[in-house]
């Protein structure tokens, strides 16, 4: 009898998925630019309606699924939906608010079912549905947030890498010579990123000589110097000659005080002079 009641509830929810979505949409506020906005463009609204109606059916399906089956079904849906919401710049706070709205409407429809069905619904039935459905709804929000944040963090990481690369361009002077101007404050994290980016750019450009210009650097500590040494060692292994130029007096003084040894590195005092010399060779 329990399965008969669950079957009847499932059929009711599936058959009323479109009505459910209409009621859910009526509670949306105007937040221009959001997928959930009451004034969203028709094509956006239609897609949201389709997704929400499908969502209603997926949650209802969990009445008959094992926990593992439900999680597999829901995870696939939330991964795709999270990607769609990020693409449309929907805020996570809006998603959380709508999750609460969805849950309230869902239980209103269960209440409608209980009132109109000829089946005898007991408290045991309701509590069993509550356990199943609320667990599913909680899992939806949990996996949505995980997917949403994972996509956002990957995007931020990619953007940060691009910014680091753009802030450390290897300028191609000739077919064989490149210039790498280091500018601003360089901490350990940035120094590591600069090394990776520089090596990649040198290989792609096919240069055999790289001039590192430090005239825009105001401070060098032992960790940063270590990264610069590693960069020059890596360039040497790749068959690329490196020349350091533009070391400011205060940087040179700090280097001496810290005991940094630049004796094994080819240096030049003037960028213009070394570039001219390389061009003439």
Protein backbone atom coordinates (compact mmCIF):
# COMPACT_ATOMS: atom_id res chain seq x y z
CA UNK A 1 0.00 0.00 0.00
CA UNK A 2 2.93 2.28 0.76
CA UNK A 3 4.19 1.90 -2.83
CA UNK A 4 0.71 2.64 -4.19
CA UNK A 5 0.62 5.92 -2.27
CA UNK A 6 4.15 6.85 -3.38
CA UNK A 7 3.21 5.98 -6.97
CA UNK A 8 0.17 8.21 -6.75
CA UNK A 9 2.19 11.10 -5.29
CA UNK A 10 4.83 10.66 -7.99
CA UNK A 11 2.23 10.75 -10.76
CA UNK A 12 0.60 13.82 -9.22
CA UNK A 13 3.91 15.72 -9.05
CA UNK A 14 4.93 14.74 -12.59
CA UNK A 15 1.54 15.67 -14.04
CA UNK A 16 1.60 19.04 -12.25
CA UNK A 17 5.25 19.87 -12.97
CA UNK A 18 4.28 22.66 -15.39
CA UNK A 19 1.71 24.13 -12.97
CA UNK A 20 4.31 23.85 -10.21
CA UNK A 21 6.79 25.85 -12.29
CA UNK A 22 4.19 28.54 -13.05
CA UNK A 23 3.48 28.92 -9.31
CA UNK A 24 7.20 29.02 -8.59
CA UNK A 25 7.75 31.72 -11.21
CA UNK A 26 4.97 33.88 -9.76
CA UNK A 27 7.09 34.25 -6.63
CA UNK A 28 10.12 35.55 -8.48
CA UNK A 29 11.27 39.10 -7.93
CA UNK A 30 12.55 41.52 -10.55
CA UNK A 31 16.33 41.28 -10.61
CA UNK A 32 17.32 42.33 -14.11
CA UNK A 33 20.08 40.21 -15.61
CA UNK A 34 19.28 37.14 -13.54
CA UNK A 35 17.84 33.91 -14.95
CA UNK A 36 15.36 34.00 -12.08
CA UNK A 37 14.19 37.56 -12.69
CA UNK A 38 10.49 38.08 -13.27
CA UNK A 39 11.40 40.21 -16.30
CA UNK A 40 13.86 37.74 -17.84
CA UNK A 41 13.80 37.52 -21.67
CA UNK A 42 11.37 34.92 -23.11
CA UNK A 43 14.16 32.59 -24.29
CA UNK A 44 15.74 32.63 -20.82
CA UNK A 45 12.38 32.17 -19.10
CA UNK A 46 11.50 29.21 -21.32
CA UNK A 47 14.79 27.50 -20.56
CA UNK A 48 14.34 28.07 -16.82
CA UNK A 49 10.78 26.70 -17.03
CA UNK A 50 12.02 23.60 -18.79
CA UNK A 51 14.82 23.07 -16.26
CA UNK A 52 12.54 23.63 -13.28
CA UNK A 53 9.85 21.26 -14.55
CA UNK A 54 12.53 18.63 -15.12
CA UNK A 55 13.81 19.33 -11.61
CA UNK A 56 10.33 18.69 -10.15
CA UNK A 57 10.28 15.28 -11.86
CA UNK A 58 13.80 14.38 -10.76
CA UNK A 59 13.03 15.10 -7.12
CA UNK A 60 9.80 13.09 -7.36
CA UNK A 61 11.75 10.20 -8.85
CA UNK A 62 13.84 10.01 -5.67
CA UNK A 63 10.79 8.55 -3.91
CA UNK A 64 11.72 5.21 -5.50
CA UNK A 65 15.49 5.51 -5.78
CA UNK A 66 18.22 4.26 -3.50
CA UNK A 67 20.47 6.93 -2.03
CA UNK A 68 23.23 6.17 -4.56
CA UNK A 69 20.81 6.27 -7.51
CA UNK A 70 19.40 9.60 -6.35
CA UNK A 71 22.85 11.13 -5.92
CA UNK A 72 23.92 10.04 -9.39
CA UNK A 73 20.79 11.51 -10.97
CA UNK A 74 20.93 14.78 -9.03
CA UNK A 75 24.68 15.32 -9.49
CA UNK A 76 24.35 15.17 -13.26
CA UNK A 77 21.52 17.74 -13.17
CA UNK A 78 23.19 20.16 -10.76
CA UNK A 79 26.49 20.10 -12.69
CA UNK A 80 24.78 21.23 -15.88
CA UNK A 81 22.50 23.73 -14.14
CA UNK A 82 25.37 25.28 -12.19
CA UNK A 83 27.26 25.83 -15.45
CA UNK A 84 24.18 27.51 -16.96
CA UNK A 85 23.73 29.81 -13.95
CA UNK A 86 27.38 30.88 -14.00
CA UNK A 87 27.15 31.58 -17.72
CA UNK A 88 24.23 33.93 -17.07
CA UNK A 89 26.01 35.59 -14.08
CA UNK A 90 23.39 34.42 -11.58
CA UNK A 91 24.47 35.01 -7.98
CA UNK A 92 24.77 32.08 -5.59
CA UNK A 93 22.58 33.98 -3.10
CA UNK A 94 19.77 33.98 -5.67
CA UNK A 95 20.15 30.23 -6.10
CA UNK A 96 19.96 29.69 -2.34
CA UNK A 97 16.86 31.91 -2.05
CA UNK A 98 15.14 30.07 -4.90
CA UNK A 99 16.01 26.74 -3.35
CA UNK A 100 13.89 27.74 -0.36
CA UNK A 101 11.05 28.90 -2.61
CA UNK A 102 11.18 25.63 -4.54
CA UNK A 103 11.01 23.60 -1.34
CA UNK A 104 7.99 25.54 -0.06
CA UNK A 105 6.11 25.13 -3.34
CA UNK A 106 7.01 21.44 -3.43
CA UNK A 107 5.43 20.82 -0.06
CA UNK A 108 2.39 22.89 -1.01
CA UNK A 109 1.83 20.51 -3.92
CA UNK A 110 2.24 17.50 -1.66
CA UNK A 111 -0.38 19.08 0.59
CA UNK A 112 -2.68 19.50 -2.43
CA UNK A 113 -2.18 15.83 -3.25
CA UNK A 114 -3.03 14.74 0.30
CA UNK A 115 -6.23 16.83 0.25
CA UNK A 116 -7.56 15.57 -3.08
CA UNK A 117 -6.46 11.92 -3.15
CA UNK A 118 -8.89 9.13 -2.25
CA UNK A 119 -6.05 7.22 -0.67
CA UNK A 120 -5.73 7.24 3.09
CA UNK A 121 -2.54 9.18 3.83
CA UNK A 122 -1.09 8.66 7.31
CA UNK A 123 1.49 10.64 9.27
CA UNK A 124 3.88 7.76 8.66
CA UNK A 125 3.49 8.29 4.91
CA UNK A 126 4.12 12.02 5.18
CA UNK A 127 7.17 11.58 7.40
CA UNK A 128 8.62 8.98 5.04
CA UNK A 129 8.15 11.36 2.09
CA UNK A 130 9.66 14.17 4.13
CA UNK A 131 12.72 12.07 4.86
CA UNK A 132 13.19 11.11 1.21
CA UNK A 133 12.34 14.41 -0.48
CA UNK A 134 14.01 16.82 1.93
CA UNK A 135 17.17 14.73 1.84
CA UNK A 136 17.09 14.99 -1.94
CA UNK A 137 16.46 18.75 -1.88
CA UNK A 138 19.32 19.21 0.59
CA UNK A 139 21.59 17.18 -1.68
CA UNK A 140 20.56 19.31 -4.66
CA UNK A 141 21.66 22.52 -2.94
CA UNK A 142 24.85 20.92 -1.62
CA UNK A 143 25.99 19.58 -5.01
CA UNK A 144 24.91 22.75 -6.81
CA UNK A 145 27.09 24.88 -4.53
CA UNK A 146 30.03 22.47 -4.95
CA UNK A 147 29.71 22.50 -8.76
CA UNK A 148 29.13 26.26 -8.84
CA UNK A 149 32.18 27.03 -6.69
CA UNK A 150 34.38 24.55 -8.53
CA UNK A 151 33.57 26.20 -11.87
CA UNK A 152 34.08 29.67 -10.37
CA UNK A 153 37.43 28.75 -8.78
CA UNK A 154 38.66 27.17 -12.02
CA UNK A 155 37.63 30.30 -13.89
CA UNK A 156 39.37 32.55 -11.36
CA UNK A 157 42.48 30.39 -11.52
CA UNK A 158 42.53 30.63 -15.32
CA UNK A 159 42.03 34.39 -15.17
CA UNK A 160 44.80 34.74 -12.59
CA UNK A 161 47.15 32.72 -14.81
CA UNK A 162 46.28 34.90 -17.79
CA UNK A 163 46.87 38.07 -15.75
CA UNK A 164 50.23 36.75 -14.57
CA UNK A 165 51.19 35.89 -18.13
CA UNK A 166 50.09 39.26 -19.46
CA UNK A 167 51.98 41.02 -16.67
CA UNK A 168 55.18 39.20 -17.64
CA UNK A 169 55.40 39.25 -21.44
CA UNK A 170 58.53 38.21 -23.25
CA UNK A 171 59.05 40.89 -25.89
CA UNK A 172 60.55 39.54 -29.10
CA UNK A 173 63.35 41.87 -30.22
CA UNK A 174 64.64 39.77 -33.09
CA UNK A 175 64.14 36.22 -34.26
CA UNK A 176 66.71 35.06 -31.70
CA UNK A 177 66.56 37.70 -28.93
CA UNK A 178 63.85 38.32 -26.36
CA UNK A 179 63.43 40.91 -23.62
CA UNK A 180 61.76 40.12 -20.30
CA UNK A 181 61.05 43.33 -18.31
CA UNK A 182 60.33 42.64 -14.64
CA UNK A 183 58.17 45.41 -13.19
CA UNK A 184 56.79 46.15 -9.73
CA UNK A 185 56.88 44.22 -6.49
CA UNK A 186 57.72 40.57 -6.86
CA UNK A 187 56.81 38.16 -4.10
CA UNK A 188 57.59 34.45 -4.02
CA UNK A 189 54.27 33.39 -5.56
CA UNK A 190 54.56 35.82 -8.45
CA UNK A 191 58.21 34.89 -8.98
CA UNK A 192 57.27 31.22 -9.42
CA UNK A 193 54.54 32.13 -11.87
CA UNK A 194 56.90 34.38 -13.80
CA UNK A 195 59.41 31.56 -14.17
CA UNK A 196 56.84 29.14 -15.59
CA UNK A 197 55.38 31.74 -17.94
CA UNK A 198 58.77 32.95 -19.15
CA UNK A 199 60.05 29.46 -19.96
CA UNK A 200 56.90 28.68 -21.92
CA UNK A 201 57.06 31.93 -23.88
CA UNK A 202 60.77 31.49 -24.68
CA UNK A 203 60.21 27.97 -26.00
CA UNK A 204 57.23 29.05 -28.09
CA UNK A 205 59.15 32.02 -29.54
CA UNK A 206 62.24 29.92 -30.28
CA UNK A 207 64.71 32.52 -29.00
CA UNK A 208 68.27 31.70 -27.94
CA UNK A 209 69.02 34.82 -25.86
CA UNK A 210 66.84 36.42 -23.17
CA UNK A 211 67.57 39.76 -21.52
CA UNK A 212 66.04 40.10 -18.03
CA UNK A 213 65.56 43.78 -17.25
CA UNK A 214 65.26 44.49 -13.51
CA UNK A 215 65.11 48.29 -13.80
CA UNK A 216 61.46 48.26 -12.77
CA UNK A 217 62.05 46.12 -9.66
CA UNK A 218 62.38 48.00 -6.38
CA UNK A 219 63.18 45.10 -4.06
CA UNK A 220 64.66 41.62 -4.29
CA UNK A 221 64.73 39.25 -1.31
CA UNK A 222 66.43 35.86 -1.01
CA UNK A 223 63.36 33.87 -2.13
CA UNK A 224 62.82 36.04 -5.20
CA UNK A 225 66.51 35.90 -6.05
CA UNK A 226 66.35 32.12 -5.70
CA UNK A 227 63.52 32.00 -8.25
CA UNK A 228 65.48 34.22 -10.64
CA UNK A 229 68.51 31.92 -10.30
CA UNK A 230 66.28 28.92 -10.98
CA UNK A 231 64.87 30.65 -14.06
CA UNK A 232 68.33 31.34 -15.44
CA UNK A 233 69.44 27.77 -14.71
CA UNK A 234 66.35 26.45 -16.51
CA UNK A 235 67.03 28.74 -19.47
CA UNK A 236 70.60 27.43 -19.61
CA UNK A 237 69.34 23.84 -19.70
CA UNK A 238 67.13 24.81 -22.63
CA UNK A 239 70.12 26.26 -24.45
CA UNK A 240 69.00 29.85 -23.95
CA UNK A 241 71.56 32.43 -22.88
CA UNK A 242 70.31 34.85 -20.21
CA UNK A 243 71.61 38.31 -19.47
CA UNK A 244 70.52 40.36 -16.46
CA UNK A 245 70.44 44.12 -16.76
CA UNK A 246 69.00 47.22 -15.10
CA UNK A 247 69.82 46.31 -11.51
CA UNK A 248 69.04 49.41 -9.45
CA UNK A 249 71.61 50.62 -6.88
CA UNK A 250 69.27 49.95 -3.95
CA UNK A 251 68.57 46.46 -5.24
CA UNK A 252 72.29 45.80 -5.65
CA UNK A 253 72.92 47.09 -2.12
CA UNK A 254 70.17 44.87 -0.69
CA UNK A 255 71.57 41.90 -2.59
CA UNK A 256 75.00 42.46 -1.06
CA UNK A 257 73.52 42.81 2.44
CA UNK A 258 71.60 39.56 1.99
CA UNK A 259 74.70 37.79 0.72
CA UNK A 260 73.19 37.05 -2.68
CA UNK A 261 75.78 35.91 -5.20
CA UNK A 262 75.25 37.16 -8.74
CA UNK A 263 78.81 36.38 -9.79
CA UNK A 264 77.79 33.41 -11.91
CA UNK A 265 75.22 35.41 -13.85
CA UNK A 266 76.00 37.44 -16.97
CA UNK A 267 75.02 41.05 -16.27
CA UNK A 268 74.97 44.30 -18.18
CA UNK A 269 74.58 47.78 -16.73
CA UNK A 270 72.57 49.37 -19.51
CA UNK A 271 69.61 47.83 -21.35
CA UNK A 272 70.01 50.01 -24.43
CA UNK A 273 73.67 49.13 -24.73
CA UNK A 274 73.18 45.36 -24.44
CA UNK A 275 70.26 45.34 -26.89
CA UNK A 276 72.31 47.33 -29.40
CA UNK A 277 75.21 44.93 -28.97
CA UNK A 278 72.97 41.89 -29.48
CA UNK A 279 71.41 43.41 -32.58
CA UNK A 280 74.79 44.02 -34.14
CA UNK A 281 75.95 40.46 -33.54
